[in-house]
Amino acid sequence: MGASPAQDGRSNAHSRWSALCTAGLVAPSRQPKLLVAFFSRTGTTRRLAEHIARATGADLEELREAKSRRGIWGWLRSGYEGTYRRSAEVLPLGHNLRDYDLVFVGSPTWNRALASPVRGFLEQYASELSNVALFATCQGRGASDVLEQMSELLKKPPLATLAMIEMDVKHGPAVQVGELSEAALRAWEKSEG
């Protein structure tokens, strides 16, 4: 019988961490504990979050809220909240953020703005995030605006960022995910040393 997907991800992450150490890209101190926290209304940001989690062996935390965002009313509410920079309250988290060395935080783009659940998450939990890498998805443009808005809500600058359009996420973001992961892990290692 094979290992569970979580175990496979962790052993693959250990192999990748070992490869980065062997290549001299990071110092071989200890493997960091990683989390990917994200919100996704349509599934695009979820798909990218899952790619990052698989590539790094990170745990996943999908940000949830009490109200549904399905259908036309959910779409309209999302656009309104993005446009007017509203925050939405997220349900309690399943992971303790203080247990993680590095947290990747992801958001979709809503009318060139940060998604309200991610805005609410960062407003509520920024003080618990010691090291952060950010990623944002969009249908065409605006993801860089979202990364700026996310950065402004953090207590210190992010270690790395990634903006991706939906089409690139659907076609497999392996190279971009690798670059984000490597940049974030290098920066984390440097901050530890």
Protein backbone atom coordinates (compact mmCIF):
# COMPACT_ATOMS: atom_id res chain seq x y z
CA MET A 1 0.00 0.00 0.00
CA GLY A 2 1.36 3.46 -0.94
CA ALA A 3 1.83 6.52 1.22
CA SER A 4 -0.93 9.06 1.60
CA PRO A 5 -0.82 12.16 -0.64
CA ALA A 6 0.23 14.29 2.36
CA GLN A 7 3.10 11.90 3.12
CA ASP A 8 4.11 11.80 -0.55
CA GLY A 9 4.11 15.61 -0.61
CA ARG A 10 6.27 15.79 2.51
CA SER A 11 8.78 13.22 1.24
CA ASN A 12 8.90 14.96 -2.16
CA ALA A 13 9.40 18.29 -0.38
CA HIS A 14 12.23 16.75 1.65
CA SER A 15 13.83 15.54 -1.59
CA ARG A 16 13.47 19.01 -3.14
CA TRP A 17 14.86 20.62 0.04
CA SER A 18 17.82 18.24 -0.09
CA ALA A 19 18.35 19.08 -3.77
CA LEU A 20 18.32 22.82 -3.03
CA CYS A 21 20.86 22.29 -0.24
CA THR A 22 23.09 20.10 -2.43
CA ALA A 23 22.99 22.68 -5.24
CA GLY A 24 24.09 25.34 -2.77
CA LEU A 25 20.88 27.33 -3.25
CA VAL A 26 20.04 27.15 0.47
CA ALA A 27 22.09 26.23 3.53
CA PRO A 28 21.34 22.80 4.99
CA SER A 29 20.10 23.97 8.42
CA ARG A 30 16.56 22.63 8.77
CA GLN A 31 13.55 22.19 6.54
CA PRO A 32 10.96 24.89 7.24
CA LYS A 33 7.34 24.14 8.12
CA LEU A 34 5.19 25.60 5.32
CA LEU A 35 1.53 26.53 4.88
CA VAL A 36 -0.43 27.73 1.85
CA ALA A 37 -3.45 29.85 2.87
CA PHE A 38 -5.78 30.98 0.09
CA PHE A 39 -9.30 31.95 -0.95
CA SER A 40 -10.81 30.87 -4.25
CA ARG A 41 -14.27 31.62 -5.62
CA THR A 42 -13.94 29.91 -9.02
CA GLY A 43 -11.16 27.38 -8.40
CA THR A 44 -8.25 29.10 -10.19
CA THR A 45 -6.51 30.29 -7.02
CA ARG A 46 -7.20 26.89 -5.41
CA ARG A 47 -5.47 25.16 -8.33
CA LEU A 48 -2.39 27.39 -7.99
CA ALA A 49 -2.37 26.90 -4.19
CA GLU A 50 -2.43 23.13 -4.67
CA HIS A 51 0.51 23.35 -7.11
CA ILE A 52 2.50 25.35 -4.54
CA ALA A 53 1.61 22.90 -1.75
CA ARG A 54 2.65 19.90 -3.87
CA ALA A 55 5.90 21.58 -4.91
CA THR A 56 6.88 22.50 -1.35
CA GLY A 57 5.19 19.85 0.80
CA ALA A 58 3.18 22.60 2.51
CA ASP A 59 -0.07 22.17 4.38
CA LEU A 60 -3.17 23.77 2.82
CA GLU A 61 -5.58 26.20 4.52
CA GLU A 62 -8.55 27.26 2.42
CA LEU A 63 -10.01 30.47 3.82
CA ARG A 64 -13.74 30.07 4.29
CA GLU A 65 -16.56 32.41 5.18
CA ALA A 66 -20.11 31.95 6.41
CA LYS A 67 -21.85 33.40 3.31
CA SER A 68 -21.75 31.68 -0.07
CA ARG A 69 -20.30 33.46 -3.09
CA ARG A 70 -21.93 31.18 -5.64
CA GLY A 71 -23.98 32.38 -8.57
CA ILE A 72 -24.63 35.86 -9.87
CA TRP A 73 -25.25 37.37 -6.42
CA GLY A 74 -21.96 36.02 -5.12
CA TRP A 75 -20.17 37.39 -8.18
CA LEU A 76 -21.79 40.82 -7.76
CA ARG A 77 -21.04 40.94 -4.03
CA SER A 78 -17.43 39.95 -4.69
CA GLY A 79 -16.99 42.70 -7.30
CA TYR A 80 -18.59 45.29 -5.01
CA GLU A 81 -16.42 44.33 -2.02
CA GLY A 82 -13.28 44.35 -4.16
CA THR A 83 -14.07 47.73 -5.71
CA TYR A 84 -14.72 49.37 -2.35
CA ARG A 85 -11.87 47.56 -0.54
CA ARG A 86 -14.19 45.81 1.91
CA SER A 87 -13.08 43.07 4.29
CA ALA A 88 -14.97 39.86 4.88
CA GLU A 89 -14.73 37.85 8.06
CA VAL A 90 -13.21 34.41 7.60
CA LEU A 91 -14.23 31.38 9.62
CA PRO A 92 -11.76 30.06 12.24
CA LEU A 93 -8.63 28.54 10.76
CA GLY A 94 -7.77 24.86 10.91
CA HIS A 95 -4.05 25.57 11.39
CA ASN A 96 -2.17 27.66 13.93
CA LEU A 97 -0.23 30.21 11.88
CA ARG A 98 2.44 30.56 14.56
CA ASP A 99 3.44 26.92 13.96
CA TYR A 100 4.73 27.76 10.46
CA ASP A 101 8.07 29.20 9.38
CA LEU A 102 6.71 30.42 6.04
CA VAL A 103 3.13 31.02 4.87
CA PHE A 104 2.20 31.43 1.21
CA VAL A 105 -0.96 33.60 0.97
CA GLY A 106 -3.04 33.60 -2.22
CA SER A 107 -5.92 35.67 -3.53
CA PRO A 108 -7.98 36.04 -6.67
CA THR A 109 -8.33 39.48 -8.25
CA TRP A 110 -11.72 41.13 -7.93
CA ASN A 111 -11.99 44.24 -10.11
CA ARG A 112 -8.22 44.89 -9.82
CA ALA A 113 -8.52 44.51 -6.04
CA LEU A 114 -7.75 42.05 -3.28
CA ALA A 115 -10.53 39.56 -2.51
CA SER A 116 -12.38 40.62 0.65
CA PRO A 117 -11.88 37.30 2.52
CA VAL A 118 -8.08 37.55 2.02
CA ARG A 119 -8.18 41.22 3.06
CA GLY A 120 -10.05 40.18 6.23
CA PHE A 121 -7.58 37.33 6.84
CA LEU A 122 -4.55 39.63 6.54
CA GLU A 123 -6.13 42.33 8.69
CA GLN A 124 -6.89 39.77 11.39
CA TYR A 125 -3.77 37.59 11.26
CA ALA A 126 -0.88 39.72 9.88
CA SER A 127 0.75 39.88 13.31
CA GLU A 128 0.95 36.05 13.38
CA LEU A 129 2.69 35.82 10.00
CA SER A 130 6.46 36.02 10.47
CA ASN A 131 7.50 35.14 6.91
CA VAL A 132 5.14 35.42 3.95
CA ALA A 133 5.21 34.80 0.21
CA LEU A 134 2.27 36.14 -1.81
CA PHE A 135 0.51 34.95 -4.96
CA ALA A 136 -2.44 36.35 -6.88
CA THR A 137 -4.46 35.17 -9.86
CA CYS A 138 -6.52 37.11 -12.38
CA GLN A 139 -8.33 36.66 -15.67
CA GLY A 140 -6.33 39.31 -17.47
CA ARG A 141 -4.80 42.03 -15.33
CA GLY A 142 -4.79 43.40 -11.84
CA ALA A 143 -2.85 40.68 -10.02
CA SER A 144 0.11 43.01 -9.43
CA ASP A 145 -2.32 45.52 -7.85
CA VAL A 146 -3.53 42.75 -5.56
CA LEU A 147 0.03 41.87 -4.54
CA GLU A 148 0.62 45.53 -3.64
CA GLN A 149 -2.55 45.66 -1.55
CA MET A 150 -1.59 42.43 0.22
CA SER A 151 1.91 43.75 0.93
CA GLU A 152 0.50 46.91 2.48
CA LEU A 153 -1.44 44.81 5.01
CA LEU A 154 1.64 42.87 6.17
CA LYS A 155 3.92 43.90 9.03
CA LYS A 156 7.02 43.42 6.83
CA PRO A 157 7.67 42.95 3.09
CA PRO A 158 6.90 39.55 1.55
CA LEU A 159 9.80 37.19 0.85
CA ALA A 160 8.55 36.54 -2.71
CA THR A 161 5.54 37.25 -4.93
CA LEU A 162 3.87 35.66 -7.94
CA ALA A 163 1.15 37.11 -10.22
CA MET A 164 -0.48 34.69 -12.68
CA ILE A 165 -3.28 34.87 -15.19
CA GLU A 166 -5.93 32.16 -15.19
CA MET A 167 -4.85 30.69 -18.55
CA ASP A 168 -1.30 30.09 -17.29
CA VAL A 169 -2.60 28.44 -14.12
CA LYS A 170 -4.77 26.09 -16.19
CA HIS A 171 -1.85 25.13 -18.45
CA GLY A 172 0.41 24.22 -15.54
CA PRO A 173 2.40 26.77 -13.58
CA ALA A 174 5.34 24.51 -12.73
CA VAL A 175 8.11 26.95 -13.68
CA GLN A 176 6.51 29.93 -11.93
CA VAL A 177 5.70 27.89 -8.82
CA GLY A 178 9.29 26.64 -8.75
CA GLU A 179 10.63 30.19 -8.99
CA LEU A 180 8.27 31.45 -6.24
CA SER A 181 9.13 28.52 -3.96
CA GLU A 182 12.86 28.84 -4.51
CA ALA A 183 12.86 32.62 -3.95
CA ALA A 184 10.76 32.31 -0.78
CA LEU A 185 12.87 29.48 0.65
CA ARG A 186 16.13 31.29 -0.10
CA ALA A 187 14.83 34.44 1.59
CA TRP A 188 13.59 32.41 4.57
CA GLU A 189 16.97 30.68 4.89
CA LYS A 190 18.74 34.06 4.76
CA SER A 191 16.44 35.47 7.48
CA GLU A 192 17.21 32.45 9.70
CA GLY A 193 20.99 32.79 9.29
